[in-house]
Protein backbone atom coordinates (compact mmCIF):
# COMPACT_ATOMS: atom_id res chain seq x y z
CA MET A 1 289.03 -3.10 67.60
CA PRO A 2 290.23 -3.61 64.02
CA ILE A 3 290.43 -0.53 61.81
CA VAL A 4 287.69 -1.98 59.57
CA GLN A 5 285.23 -1.87 62.48
CA ILE A 6 286.26 1.67 63.38
CA VAL A 7 285.77 2.81 59.78
CA ASP A 8 282.39 1.07 59.54
CA THR A 9 281.27 2.71 62.79
CA ILE A 10 282.34 6.16 61.57
CA LYS A 11 280.59 5.67 58.22
CA LYS A 12 277.40 4.54 59.95
CA ARG A 13 277.45 7.53 62.30
CA LYS A 14 278.12 9.88 59.37
CA GLU A 15 275.01 8.58 57.62
CA GLU A 16 272.89 8.66 60.80
CA LEU A 17 273.75 12.32 61.32
CA GLY A 18 273.54 13.24 57.62
CA LEU A 19 277.02 14.74 57.66
CA THR A 20 279.20 15.67 54.73
CA ILE A 21 282.98 15.35 54.82
CA ASP A 22 283.24 19.15 55.00
CA LYS A 23 280.85 19.32 57.97
CA MET A 24 282.75 16.54 59.74
CA SER A 25 285.97 18.42 59.11
CA ALA A 26 284.58 21.67 60.50
CA GLU A 27 283.23 19.99 63.63
CA SER A 28 286.28 17.82 64.35
CA GLY A 29 289.16 20.03 63.26
CA VAL A 30 290.41 17.15 61.12
CA GLY A 31 291.14 17.99 57.49
CA ALA A 32 288.74 16.72 54.83
CA ARG A 33 291.58 14.89 53.08
CA THR A 34 292.48 13.11 56.33
CA ILE A 35 288.84 12.15 56.91
CA ASN A 36 288.74 10.65 53.41
CA ARG A 37 291.89 8.69 54.26
CA ILE A 38 290.30 7.45 57.50
CA LEU A 39 287.17 6.35 55.65
CA ALA A 40 289.35 4.53 53.11
CA GLY A 41 291.09 2.66 55.93
CA GLU A 42 294.46 4.27 55.24
CA ASP A 43 297.09 5.01 57.87
CA VAL A 44 296.54 8.24 59.77
CA ARG A 45 297.58 9.59 63.14
CA TYR A 46 295.69 8.20 66.11
CA SER A 47 294.99 11.77 67.24
CA SER A 48 293.07 12.40 64.00
CA ILE A 49 290.88 9.36 64.55
CA GLU A 50 290.38 10.33 68.18
CA SER A 51 289.34 13.90 67.26
CA LEU A 52 286.92 12.62 64.63
CA LEU A 53 285.40 10.05 67.01
CA ARG A 54 285.01 12.68 69.74
CA SER A 55 283.17 15.03 67.37
CA LEU A 56 280.80 12.18 66.46
CA LYS A 57 280.19 11.45 70.18
CA LEU A 58 281.94 8.09 69.85
CA SER A 59 284.81 6.64 71.85
CA LEU A 60 287.39 3.94 71.38
CA SER A 61 288.23 1.49 74.15
CA ILE A 62 291.43 -0.46 74.03
CA GLY A 63 291.69 -3.54 76.18
CA LYS A 64 293.34 -6.91 76.38
CA CYS A 65 292.75 -9.34 73.54
């Protein structure tokens, strides 16, 4: 899944749940600055994306293209 789709999914879920960056940070353990970088599509550690997705009850599947 391209990073653009991951970011769009996270943004959509954020809106659905009415979350702020600070609330997402508190629930995921990912720093607010890192979340802002994720939402901007910048390079971050996979573990940060994974932690954020888990806190939003989302998962990422990687398969053959």
